[in-house]
Each structure stands twice: as C-alpha cells, then as structure tokens.
PDB file of N, CA and C in Angstrom:
ATOM      1  N   MET A   1       0.461  43.212 -67.038  1.00  0.00           N
ATOM      2  CA  MET A   1       0.235  41.978 -66.325  1.00  0.00           C
ATOM      3  C   MET A   1       0.922  40.840 -67.073  1.00  0.00           C
ATOM      4  N   GLY A   2       1.403  39.915 -66.335  1.00  0.00           N
ATOM      5  CA  GLY A   2       2.026  38.742 -66.917  1.00  0.00           C
ATOM      6  C   GLY A   2       1.466  37.496 -66.253  1.00  0.00           C
ATOM      7  N   ILE A   3       1.744  36.362 -66.858  1.00  0.00           N
ATOM      8  CA  ILE A   3       1.304  35.119 -66.236  1.00  0.00           C
ATOM      9  C   ILE A   3       2.496  34.200 -66.059  1.00  0.00           C
ATOM     10  N   ARG A   4       2.429  33.420 -65.031  1.00  0.00           N
ATOM     11  CA  ARG A   4       3.430  32.379 -64.798  1.00  0.00           C
ATOM     12  C   ARG A   4       2.689  31.054 -64.938  1.00  0.00           C
ATOM     13  N   TRP A   5       3.096  30.259 -65.909  1.00  0.00           N
ATOM     14  CA  TRP A   5       2.455  28.986 -66.218  1.00  0.00           C
ATOM     15  C   TRP A   5       3.104  27.914 -65.353  1.00  0.00           C
ATOM     16  N   GLN A   6       2.331  27.269 -64.490  1.00  0.00           N
ATOM     17  CA  GLN A   6       2.850  26.360 -63.485  1.00  0.00           C
ATOM     18  C   GLN A   6       2.589  24.879 -63.788  1.00  0.00           C
ATOM     19  N   LEU A   7       2.306  24.508 -65.022  1.00  0.00           N
ATOM     20  CA  LEU A   7       1.966  23.130 -65.351  1.00  0.00           C
ATOM     21  C   LEU A   7       3.112  22.169 -65.024  1.00  0.00           C
ATOM     22  N   ARG A   8       4.323  22.510 -65.411  1.00  0.00           N
ATOM     23  CA  ARG A   8       5.466  21.621 -65.151  1.00  0.00           C
ATOM     24  C   ARG A   8       5.640  21.393 -63.647  1.00  0.00           C
ATOM     25  N   LEU A   9       5.491  22.433 -62.855  1.00  0.00           N
ATOM     26  CA  LEU A   9       5.619  22.317 -61.400  1.00  0.00           C
ATOM     27  C   LEU A   9       4.539  21.398 -60.823  1.00  0.00           C
ATOM     28  N   ARG A  10       3.296  21.593 -61.263  1.00  0.00           N
ATOM     29  CA  ARG A  10       2.197  20.756 -60.772  1.00  0.00           C
ATOM     30  C   ARG A  10       2.392  19.299 -61.188  1.00  0.00           C
ATOM     31  N   MET A  11       2.924  19.065 -62.381  1.00  0.00           N
ATOM     32  CA  MET A  11       3.210  17.693 -62.817  1.00  0.00           C
ATOM     33  C   MET A  11       4.275  17.072 -61.907  1.00  0.00           C
ATOM     34  N   ALA A  12       5.331  17.815 -61.623  1.00  0.00           N
ATOM     35  CA  ALA A  12       6.424  17.305 -60.786  1.00  0.00           C
ATOM     36  C   ALA A  12       5.922  16.968 -59.388  1.00  0.00           C
ATOM     37  N   GLU A  13       5.001  17.765 -58.871  1.00  0.00           N
ATOM     38  CA  GLU A  13       4.429  17.478 -57.556  1.00  0.00           C
ATOM     39  C   GLU A  13       3.687  16.139 -57.539  1.00  0.00           C
ATOM     40  N   ARG A  14       3.220  15.710 -58.701  1.00  0.00           N
ATOM     41  CA  ARG A  14       2.499  14.434 -58.825  1.00  0.00           C
ATOM     42  C   ARG A  14       3.402  13.309 -59.319  1.00  0.00           C
ATOM     43  N   GLY A  15       4.703  13.578 -59.420  1.00  0.00           N
ATOM     44  CA  GLY A  15       5.646  12.554 -59.856  1.00  0.00           C
ATOM     45  C   GLY A  15       5.647  12.324 -61.353  1.00  0.00           C
ATOM     46  N   MET A  16       5.134  13.267 -62.119  1.00  0.00           N
ATOM     47  CA  MET A  16       5.117  13.166 -63.587  1.00  0.00           C
ATOM     48  C   MET A  16       6.234  14.048 -64.131  1.00  0.00           C
ATOM     49  N   PHE A  17       7.227  13.411 -64.762  1.00  0.00           N
ATOM     50  CA  PHE A  17       8.368  14.183 -65.235  1.00  0.00           C
ATOM     51  C   PHE A  17       8.516  14.154 -66.751  1.00  0.00           C
ATOM     52  N   ALA A  18       7.758  13.318 -67.440  1.00  0.00           N
ATOM     53  CA  ALA A  18       7.806  13.257 -68.907  1.00  0.00           C
ATOM     54  C   ALA A  18       6.515  13.836 -69.461  1.00  0.00           C
ATOM     55  N   THR A  19       6.654  14.700 -70.446  1.00  0.00           N
ATOM     56  CA  THR A  19       5.464  15.318 -71.035  1.00  0.00           C
ATOM     57  C   THR A  19       4.563  14.278 -71.701  1.00  0.00           C
ATOM     58  N   THR A  20       5.159  13.184 -72.170  1.00  0.00           N
ATOM     59  CA  THR A  20       4.361  12.157 -72.851  1.00  0.00           C
ATOM     60  C   THR A  20       3.416  11.437 -71.895  1.00  0.00           C
ATOM     61  N   GLU A  21       3.654  11.542 -70.590  1.00  0.00           N
ATOM     62  CA  GLU A  21       2.754  10.917 -69.623  1.00  0.00           C
ATOM     63  C   GLU A  21       1.375  11.568 -69.639  1.00  0.00           C
ATOM     64  N   LEU A  22       1.302  12.809 -70.076  1.00  0.00           N
ATOM     65  CA  LEU A  22       0.027  13.513 -70.111  1.00  0.00           C
ATOM     66  C   LEU A  22      -0.866  13.079 -71.270  1.00  0.00           C
ATOM     67  N   VAL A  23      -0.273  12.651 -72.376  1.00  0.00           N
ATOM     68  CA  VAL A  23      -1.040  12.363 -73.592  1.00  0.00           C
ATOM     69  C   VAL A  23      -2.175  11.373 -73.331  1.00  0.00           C
ATOM     70  N   PRO A  24      -1.922  10.161 -72.801  1.00  0.00           N
ATOM     71  CA  PRO A  24      -3.035   9.227 -72.603  1.00  0.00           C
ATOM     72  C   PRO A  24      -4.035   9.706 -71.544  1.00  0.00           C
ATOM     73  N   LEU A  25      -3.565  10.447 -70.554  1.00  0.00           N
ATOM     74  CA  LEU A  25      -4.467  10.957 -69.526  1.00  0.00           C
ATOM     75  C   LEU A  25      -5.418  12.001 -70.093  1.00  0.00           C
ATOM     76  N   LEU A  26      -4.911  12.817 -71.025  1.00  0.00           N
ATOM     77  CA  LEU A  26      -5.771  13.792 -71.697  1.00  0.00           C
ATOM     78  C   LEU A  26      -6.774  13.088 -72.600  1.00  0.00           C
ATOM     79  N   VAL A  27      -6.324  12.050 -73.323  1.00  0.00           N
ATOM     80  CA  VAL A  27      -7.217  11.298 -74.222  1.00  0.00           C
ATOM     81  C   VAL A  27      -8.360  10.681 -73.424  1.00  0.00           C
ATOM     82  N   GLU A  28      -8.073  10.156 -72.236  1.00  0.00           N
ATOM     83  CA  GLU A  28      -9.116   9.587 -71.376  1.00  0.00           C
ATOM     84  C   GLU A  28     -10.205  10.605 -71.064  1.00  0.00           C
ATOM     85  N   ARG A  29      -9.842  11.862 -71.094  1.00  0.00           N
ATOM     86  CA  ARG A  29     -10.794  12.936 -70.772  1.00  0.00           C
ATOM     87  C   ARG A  29     -11.301  13.649 -72.014  1.00  0.00           C
ATOM     88  N   GLY A  30     -11.061  13.048 -73.178  1.00  0.00           N
ATOM     89  CA  GLY A  30     -11.601  13.586 -74.428  1.00  0.00           C
ATOM     90  C   GLY A  30     -10.798  14.698 -75.066  1.00  0.00           C
ATOM     91  N   VAL A  31      -9.582  14.911 -74.624  1.00  0.00           N
ATOM     92  CA  VAL A  31      -8.719  15.954 -75.195  1.00  0.00           C
ATOM     93  C   VAL A  31      -7.634  15.265 -76.010  1.00  0.00           C
ATOM     94  N   HIS A  32      -7.655  15.487 -77.314  1.00  0.00           N
ATOM     95  CA  HIS A  32      -6.712  14.830 -78.221  1.00  0.00           C
ATOM     96  C   HIS A  32      -5.687  15.840 -78.719  1.00  0.00           C
ATOM     97  N   LEU A  33      -4.484  15.765 -78.155  1.00  0.00           N
ATOM     98  CA  LEU A  33      -3.372  16.628 -78.556  1.00  0.00           C
ATOM     99  C   LEU A  33      -2.202  15.748 -78.965  1.00  0.00           C
ATOM    100  N   SER A  34      -1.426  16.228 -79.930  1.00  0.00           N
ATOM    101  CA  SER A  34      -0.236  15.479 -80.343  1.00  0.00           C
ATOM    102  C   SER A  34       0.834  15.586 -79.247  1.00  0.00           C
ATOM    103  N   ARG A  35       1.847  14.726 -79.344  1.00  0.00           N
ATOM    104  CA  ARG A  35       2.955  14.791 -78.376  1.00  0.00           C
ATOM    105  C   ARG A  35       3.620  16.153 -78.417  1.00  0.00           C
ATOM    106  N   GLU A  36       3.752  16.699 -79.626  1.00  0.00           N
ATOM    107  CA  GLU A  36       4.389  18.006 -79.774  1.00  0.00           C
ATOM    108  C   GLU A  36       3.558  19.104 -79.116  1.00  0.00           C
ATOM    109  N   GLN A  37       2.245  19.039 -79.282  1.00  0.00           N
ATOM    110  CA  GLN A  37       1.376  20.044 -78.663  1.00  0.00           C
ATOM    111  C   GLN A  37       1.444  19.954 -77.138  1.00  0.00           C
ATOM    112  N   VAL A  38       1.469  18.747 -76.604  1.00  0.00           N
ATOM    113  CA  VAL A  38       1.567  18.567 -75.156  1.00  0.00           C
ATOM    114  C   VAL A  38       2.919  19.076 -74.661  1.00  0.00           C
ATOM    115  N   PHE A  39       3.986  18.808 -75.409  1.00  0.00           N
ATOM    116  CA  PHE A  39       5.312  19.305 -75.037  1.00  0.00           C
ATOM    117  C   PHE A  39       5.305  20.824 -74.934  1.00  0.00           C
ATOM    118  N   ARG A  40       4.736  21.501 -75.954  1.00  0.00           N
ATOM    119  CA  ARG A  40       4.658  22.964 -75.930  1.00  0.00           C
ATOM    120  C   ARG A  40       3.787  23.450 -74.776  1.00  0.00           C
ATOM    121  N   LEU A  41       2.690  22.739 -74.516  1.00  0.00           N
ATOM    122  CA  LEU A  41       1.789  23.107 -73.428  1.00  0.00           C
ATOM    123  C   LEU A  41       2.500  23.055 -72.077  1.00  0.00           C
ATOM    124  N   VAL A  42       3.381  22.081 -71.910  1.00  0.00           N
ATOM    125  CA  VAL A  42       4.093  21.920 -70.641  1.00  0.00           C
ATOM    126  C   VAL A  42       5.256  22.905 -70.530  1.00  0.00           C
ATOM    127  N   THR A  43       5.959  23.147 -71.619  1.00  0.00           N
ATOM    128  CA  THR A  43       7.207  23.900 -71.537  1.00  0.00           C
ATOM    129  C   THR A  43       7.078  25.408 -71.711  1.00  0.00           C
ATOM    130  N   GLN A  44       5.937  25.887 -72.205  1.00  0.00           N
ATOM    131  CA  GLN A  44       5.788  27.335 -72.379  1.00  0.00           C
ATOM    132  C   GLN A  44       4.342  27.752 -72.125  1.00  0.00           C
ATOM    133  N   PRO A  45       4.135  28.974 -71.674  1.00  0.00           N
ATOM    134  CA  PRO A  45       2.761  29.430 -71.420  1.00  0.00           C
ATOM    135  C   PRO A  45       1.958  29.444 -72.719  1.00  0.00           C
ATOM    136  N   PRO A  46       0.758  28.884 -72.710  1.00  0.00           N
ATOM    137  CA  PRO A  46      -0.048  28.873 -73.933  1.00  0.00           C
ATOM    138  C   PRO A  46      -0.615  30.264 -74.230  1.00  0.00           C
ATOM    139  N   GLN A  47      -0.702  30.589 -75.503  1.00  0.00           N
ATOM    140  CA  GLN A  47      -1.341  31.841 -75.902  1.00  0.00           C
ATOM    141  C   GLN A  47      -2.852  31.727 -75.754  1.00  0.00           C
ATOM    142  N   ARG A  48      -3.368  30.545 -76.102  1.00  0.00           N
ATOM    143  CA  ARG A  48      -4.793  30.243 -75.967  1.00  0.00           C
ATOM    144  C   ARG A  48      -4.901  28.845 -75.374  1.00  0.00           C
ATOM    145  N   LEU A  49      -5.957  28.641 -74.591  1.00  0.00           N
ATOM    146  CA  LEU A  49      -6.155  27.344 -73.963  1.00  0.00           C
ATOM    147  C   LEU A  49      -7.655  27.100 -73.862  1.00  0.00           C
ATOM    148  N   SER A  50      -8.115  25.978 -74.414  1.00  0.00           N
ATOM    149  CA  SER A  50      -9.549  25.691 -74.360  1.00  0.00           C
ATOM    150  C   SER A  50      -9.954  25.333 -72.939  1.00  0.00           C
ATOM    151  N   MET A  51     -11.206  25.579 -72.637  1.00  0.00           N
ATOM    152  CA  MET A  51     -11.721  25.264 -71.311  1.00  0.00           C
ATOM    153  C   MET A  51     -11.680  23.763 -71.061  1.00  0.00           C
ATOM    154  N   GLU A  52     -11.899  22.960 -72.116  1.00  0.00           N
ATOM    155  CA  GLU A  52     -11.856  21.504 -71.972  1.00  0.00           C
ATOM    156  C   GLU A  52     -10.462  21.036 -71.575  1.00  0.00           C
ATOM    157  N   THR A  53      -9.454  21.623 -72.201  1.00  0.00           N
ATOM    158  CA  THR A  53      -8.073  21.256 -71.879  1.00  0.00           C
ATOM    159  C   THR A  53      -7.720  21.680 -70.460  1.00  0.00           C
ATOM    160  N   LEU A  54      -8.117  22.881 -70.095  1.00  0.00           N
ATOM    161  CA  LEU A  54      -7.848  23.374 -68.737  1.00  0.00           C
ATOM    162  C   LEU A  54      -8.542  22.490 -67.701  1.00  0.00           C
ATOM    163  N   ALA A  55      -9.795  22.141 -67.958  1.00  0.00           N
ATOM    164  CA  ALA A  55     -10.535  21.279 -67.024  1.00  0.00           C
ATOM    165  C   ALA A  55      -9.886  19.904 -66.917  1.00  0.00           C
ATOM    166  N   ALA A  56      -9.426  19.355 -68.053  1.00  0.00           N
ATOM    167  CA  ALA A  56      -8.770  18.044 -68.039  1.00  0.00           C
ATOM    168  C   ALA A  56      -7.466  18.101 -67.253  1.00  0.00           C
ATOM    169  N   LEU A  57      -6.678  19.148 -67.444  1.00  0.00           N
ATOM    170  CA  LEU A  57      -5.425  19.283 -66.700  1.00  0.00           C
ATOM    171  C   LEU A  57      -5.687  19.387 -65.199  1.00  0.00           C
ATOM    172  N   CYS A  58      -6.701  20.155 -64.829  1.00  0.00           N
ATOM    173  CA  CYS A  58      -7.035  20.295 -63.409  1.00  0.00           C
ATOM    174  C   CYS A  58      -7.487  18.954 -62.828  1.00  0.00           C
ATOM    175  N   ASP A  59      -8.250  18.186 -63.604  1.00  0.00           N
ATOM    176  CA  ASP A  59      -8.709  16.885 -63.136  1.00  0.00           C
ATOM    177  C   ASP A  59      -7.537  15.915 -62.983  1.00  0.00           C
ATOM    178  N   ILE A  60      -6.652  15.904 -63.962  1.00  0.00           N
ATOM    179  CA  ILE A  60      -5.487  15.003 -63.928  1.00  0.00           C
ATOM    180  C   ILE A  60      -4.594  15.325 -62.735  1.00  0.00           C
ATOM    181  N   LEU A  61      -4.374  16.608 -62.497  1.00  0.00           N
ATOM    182  CA  LEU A  61      -3.418  17.024 -61.472  1.00  0.00           C
ATOM    183  C   LEU A  61      -4.067  17.290 -60.114  1.00  0.00           C
ATOM    184  N   GLY A  62      -5.395  17.167 -60.054  1.00  0.00           N
ATOM    185  CA  GLY A  62      -6.083  17.406 -58.788  1.00  0.00           C
ATOM    186  C   GLY A  62      -5.883  18.815 -58.281  1.00  0.00           C
ATOM    187  N   CYS A  63      -6.022  19.783 -59.165  1.00  0.00           N
ATOM    188  CA  CYS A  63      -5.789  21.170 -58.778  1.00  0.00           C
ATOM    189  C   CYS A  63      -6.877  22.070 -59.353  1.00  0.00           C
ATOM    190  N   GLN A  64      -6.783  23.334 -59.058  1.00  0.00           N
ATOM    191  CA  GLN A  64      -7.691  24.348 -59.567  1.00  0.00           C
ATOM    192  C   GLN A  64      -6.969  25.179 -60.630  1.00  0.00           C
ATOM    193  N   PRO A  65      -7.714  25.895 -61.492  1.00  0.00           N
ATOM    194  CA  PRO A  65      -7.047  26.738 -62.495  1.00  0.00           C
ATOM    195  C   PRO A  65      -6.046  27.720 -61.898  1.00  0.00           C
ATOM    196  N   ASN A  66      -6.337  28.239 -60.709  1.00  0.00           N
ATOM    197  CA  ASN A  66      -5.410  29.171 -60.058  1.00  0.00           C
ATOM    198  C   ASN A  66      -4.070  28.524 -59.735  1.00  0.00           C
ATOM    199  N   ASP A  67      -4.058  27.202 -59.601  1.00  0.00           N
ATOM    200  CA  ASP A  67      -2.804  26.508 -59.328  1.00  0.00           C
ATOM    201  C   ASP A  67      -1.934  26.406 -60.579  1.00  0.00           C
ATOM    202  N   LEU A  68      -2.548  26.482 -61.743  1.00  0.00           N
ATOM    203  CA  LEU A  68      -1.809  26.395 -63.005  1.00  0.00           C
ATOM    204  C   LEU A  68      -1.417  27.760 -63.546  1.00  0.00           C
ATOM    205  N   ILE A  69      -2.268  28.746 -63.315  1.00  0.00           N
ATOM    206  CA  ILE A  69      -2.050  30.084 -63.883  1.00  0.00           C
ATOM    207  C   ILE A  69      -1.855  31.065 -62.741  1.00  0.00           C
ATOM    208  N   GLU A  70      -0.665  31.603 -62.648  1.00  0.00           N
ATOM    209  CA  GLU A  70      -0.370  32.593 -61.613  1.00  0.00           C
ATOM    210  C   GLU A  70      -0.213  33.947 -62.287  1.00  0.00           C
ATOM    211  N   VAL A  71      -1.085  34.872 -61.945  1.00  0.00           N
ATOM    212  CA  VAL A  71      -1.030  36.216 -62.528  1.00  0.00           C
ATOM    213  C   VAL A  71      -0.064  37.043 -61.701  1.00  0.00           C
ATOM    214  N   GLU A  72       0.841  37.723 -62.396  1.00  0.00           N
ATOM    215  CA  GLU A  72       1.819  38.546 -61.689  1.00  0.00           C
ATOM    216  C   GLU A  72       1.865  39.936 -62.296  1.00  0.00           C
ATOM    217  N   ALA A  73       2.012  40.906 -61.441  1.00  0.00           N
ATOM    218  CA  ALA A  73       2.129  42.288 -61.900  1.00  0.00           C
ATOM    219  C   ALA A  73       3.545  42.505 -62.403  1.00  0.00           C
ATOM    220  N   THR A  74       3.653  43.197 -63.502  1.00  0.00           N
ATOM    221  CA  THR A  74       4.963  43.535 -64.045  1.00  0.00           C
ATOM    222  C   THR A  74       5.177  45.036 -63.881  1.00  0.00           C
ATOM    223  N   GLU A  75       6.385  45.474 -64.142  1.00  0.00           N
ATOM    224  CA  GLU A  75       6.671  46.906 -64.025  1.00  0.00           C
ATOM    225  C   GLU A  75       5.777  47.688 -64.956  1.00  0.00           C
ATOM    226  N   GLU A  76       5.312  48.814 -64.442  1.00  0.00           N
ATOM    227  CA  GLU A  76       4.460  49.662 -65.264  1.00  0.00           C
ATOM    228  C   GLU A  76       5.321  50.332 -66.321  1.00  0.00           C
ATOM    229  N   ARG A  77       4.887  50.202 -67.533  1.00  0.00           N
ATOM    230  CA  ARG A  77       5.645  50.809 -68.633  1.00  0.00           C
ATOM    231  C   ARG A  77       5.245  52.266 -68.768  1.00  0.00           C
ATOM    232  N   THR A  78       6.243  53.109 -68.957  1.00  0.00           N
ATOM    233  CA  THR A  78       5.941  54.514 -69.180  1.00  0.00           C
ATOM    234  C   THR A  78       5.961  54.767 -70.666  1.00  0.00           C
ATOM    235  N   ARG A  79       5.021  55.540 -71.063  1.00  0.00           N
ATOM    236  CA  ARG A  79       4.909  55.845 -72.476  1.00  0.00           C
ATOM    237  C   ARG A  79       5.867  56.951 -72.850  1.00  0.00           C
ATOM    238  N   LYS A  80       6.583  56.750 -73.908  1.00  0.00           N
ATOM    239  CA  LYS A  80       7.512  57.772 -74.357  1.00  0.00           C
ATOM    240  C   LYS A  80       6.735  58.844 -75.113  1.00  0.00           C
ATOM    241  N   THR A  81       7.070  60.093 -74.826  1.00  0.00           N
ATOM    242  CA  THR A  81       6.426  61.203 -75.518  1.00  0.00           C
ATOM    243  C   THR A  81       7.499  62.009 -76.224  1.00  0.00           C
ATOM    244  N   ALA A  82       7.045  62.886 -77.070  1.00  0.00           N
ATOM    245  CA  ALA A  82       7.983  63.705 -77.826  1.00  0.00           C
ATOM    246  C   ALA A  82       8.756  64.645 -76.909  1.00  0.00           C
ATOM    247  N   THR A  83       8.163  65.017 -75.789  1.00  0.00           N
ATOM    248  CA  THR A  83       8.823  65.967 -74.892  1.00  0.00           C
ATOM    249  C   THR A  83       9.705  65.290 -73.863  1.00  0.00           C
ATOM    250  N   ALA A  84       9.671  63.982 -73.756  1.00  0.00           N
ATOM    251  CA  ALA A  84      10.475  63.294 -72.747  1.00  0.00           C
ATOM    252  C   ALA A  84      11.951  63.447 -73.064  1.00  0.00           C
ATOM    253  N   GLY A  85      12.685  64.004 -72.124  1.00  0.00           N
ATOM    254  CA  GLY A  85      14.127  64.095 -72.272  1.00  0.00           C
ATOM    255  C   GLY A  85      14.620  65.274 -73.098  1.00  0.00           C
ATOM    256  N   GLY A  86      13.761  66.187 -73.453  1.00  0.00           N
ATOM    257  CA  GLY A  86      14.225  67.325 -74.224  1.00  0.00           C
ATOM    258  C   GLY A  86      13.122  68.345 -74.431  1.00  0.00           C
ATOM    259  N   PRO A  87      13.468  69.452 -75.064  1.00  0.00           N
ATOM    260  CA  PRO A  87      12.459  70.494 -75.277  1.00  0.00           C
ATOM    261  C   PRO A  87      11.426  70.043 -76.318  1.00  0.00           C
ATOM    262  N   ALA A  88      10.265  70.631 -76.217  1.00  0.00           N
ATOM    263  CA  ALA A  88       9.199  70.316 -77.161  1.00  0.00           C
ATOM    264  C   ALA A  88       9.585  70.839 -78.547  1.00  0.00           C
ATOM    265  N   PRO A  89       9.279  70.083 -79.584  1.00  0.00           N
ATOM    266  CA  PRO A  89       9.596  70.562 -80.933  1.00  0.00           C
ATOM    267  C   PRO A  89       8.750  71.792 -81.261  1.00  0.00           C
ATOM    268  N   THR A  90       9.345  72.701 -82.015  1.00  0.00           N
ATOM    269  CA  THR A  90       8.611  73.900 -82.404  1.00  0.00           C
ATOM    270  C   THR A  90       8.020  73.707 -83.783  1.00  0.00           C
ATOM    271  N   ALA A  91       6.886  74.326 -83.989  1.00  0.00           N
ATOM    272  CA  ALA A  91       6.217  74.225 -85.285  1.00  0.00           C
ATOM    273  C   ALA A  91       6.817  75.277 -86.223  1.00  0.00           C
ATOM    274  N   ARG A  92       7.014  74.887 -87.475  1.00  0.00           N
ATOM    275  CA  ARG A  92       7.534  75.812 -88.477  1.00  0.00           C
ATOM    276  C   ARG A  92       6.479  76.032 -89.528  1.00  0.00           C
ATOM    277  N   ARG A  93       6.307  77.254 -89.897  1.00  0.00           N
ATOM    278  CA  ARG A  93       5.361  77.557 -90.958  1.00  0.00           C
ATOM    279  C   ARG A  93       5.989  77.241 -92.288  1.00  0.00           C
ATOM    280  N   SER A  94       5.175  76.703 -93.164  1.00  0.00           N
ATOM    281  CA  SER A  94       5.641  76.409 -94.519  1.00  0.00           C
ATOM    282  C   SER A  94       5.092  77.443 -95.462  1.00  0.00           C
ATOM    283  N   THR A  95       5.870  77.765 -96.453  1.00  0.00           N
ATOM    284  CA  THR A  95       5.430  78.696 -97.474  1.00  0.00           C
ATOM    285  C   THR A  95       5.356  77.938 -98.794  1.00  0.00           C
ATOM    286  N   ILE A  96       4.229  78.069 -99.454  1.00  0.00           N
ATOM    287  CA  ILE A  96       4.084  77.401-100.744  1.00  0.00           C
ATOM    288  C   ILE A  96       4.403  78.411-101.823  1.00  0.00           C
ATOM    289  N   ARG A  97       5.342  78.086-102.656  1.00  0.00           N
ATOM    290  CA  ARG A  97       5.744  78.975-103.744  1.00  0.00           C
ATOM    291  C   ARG A  97       5.330  78.366-105.046  1.00  0.00           C
ATOM    292  N   ARG A  98       4.609  79.108-105.774  1.00  0.00           N
ATOM    293  CA  ARG A  98       4.182  78.642-107.093  1.00  0.00           C
ATOM    294  C   ARG A  98       5.210  79.075-108.130  1.00  0.00           C
ATOM    295  N   PRO A  99       5.434  78.236-109.129  1.00  0.00           N
ATOM    296  CA  PRO A  99       6.402  78.644-110.151  1.00  0.00           C
ATOM    297  C   PRO A  99       5.886  79.852-110.937  1.00  0.00           C
ATOM    298  N   GLU A 100       6.813  80.703-111.313  1.00  0.00           N
ATOM    299  CA  GLU A 100       6.415  81.886-112.109  1.00  0.00           C
ATOM    300  C   GLU A 100       6.090  81.440-113.511  1.00  0.00           C
ATOM    301  N   PRO A 101       5.064  82.040-114.090  1.00  0.00           N
ATOM    302  CA  PRO A 101       4.711  81.643-115.466  1.00  0.00           C
ATOM    303  C   PRO A 101       5.849  81.968-116.422  1.00  0.00           C
ATOM    304  N   ALA A 102       6.005  81.154-117.429  1.00  0.00           N
ATOM    305  CA  ALA A 102       7.071  81.337-118.429  1.00  0.00           C
ATOM    306  C   ALA A 102       6.674  82.499-119.338  1.00  0.00           C
ATOM    307  N   PRO A 103       7.658  83.350-119.745  1.00  0.00           N
ATOM    308  CA  PRO A 103       7.342  84.498-120.615  1.00  0.00           C
ATOM    309  C   PRO A 103       7.045  84.131-122.030  1.00  0.00           C
TER     310      PRO A 103
END
C-alpha cells in the first residue's frame, strides 16, 4: 500500500501557493512548526503526523483527512525464493576429519 499526500493540491484549491502561508494559520490553532517543517510537510508525505496537526490542516483547508491522504494500492511484490528461476539447491553431506595423532 502507498499513500498520496494531497496537501499541496488542497492548498492550491484555496489559493495558497506559498508554504509560509500555513505557518501563522497553524499557530492560530496551537500547532507550532518551523518554516522548514511546514515546507517538508507540504512538499513530501510525512512519515508521522500528529492528530493535532492533521486536525489543524483540515480546519484551515476546510477538508476531511481523506482529502489529504489518498491510499493507493501498489503492485504486489513477489517474494524471491531459492527455487525461483532455477533448480533447487541440493544438500551435500559434510565429513569431519580429525587429524591423525602424531607418532
């Protein structure tokens, strides 16, 4: 599964084209992020996002969380196995040889 982060699109729909426009709007709602953090939040999908930040973004943009986060199915990955593409490896018996005692 993958996600498509739609924050930039939702901002553009509201006529907001600069990431710095979000900073004071977030502060009004009790979310204090640096300009750099807001820039990263807008330009790339967040790895983690607090509920307070998500709620503030939805309030600012007049949208629901589903409008910001679009879940998309990705290609199913196939697991590579030892037998894929060739014969199965054969097991070999090992013989342990002890050194002969010195005369």
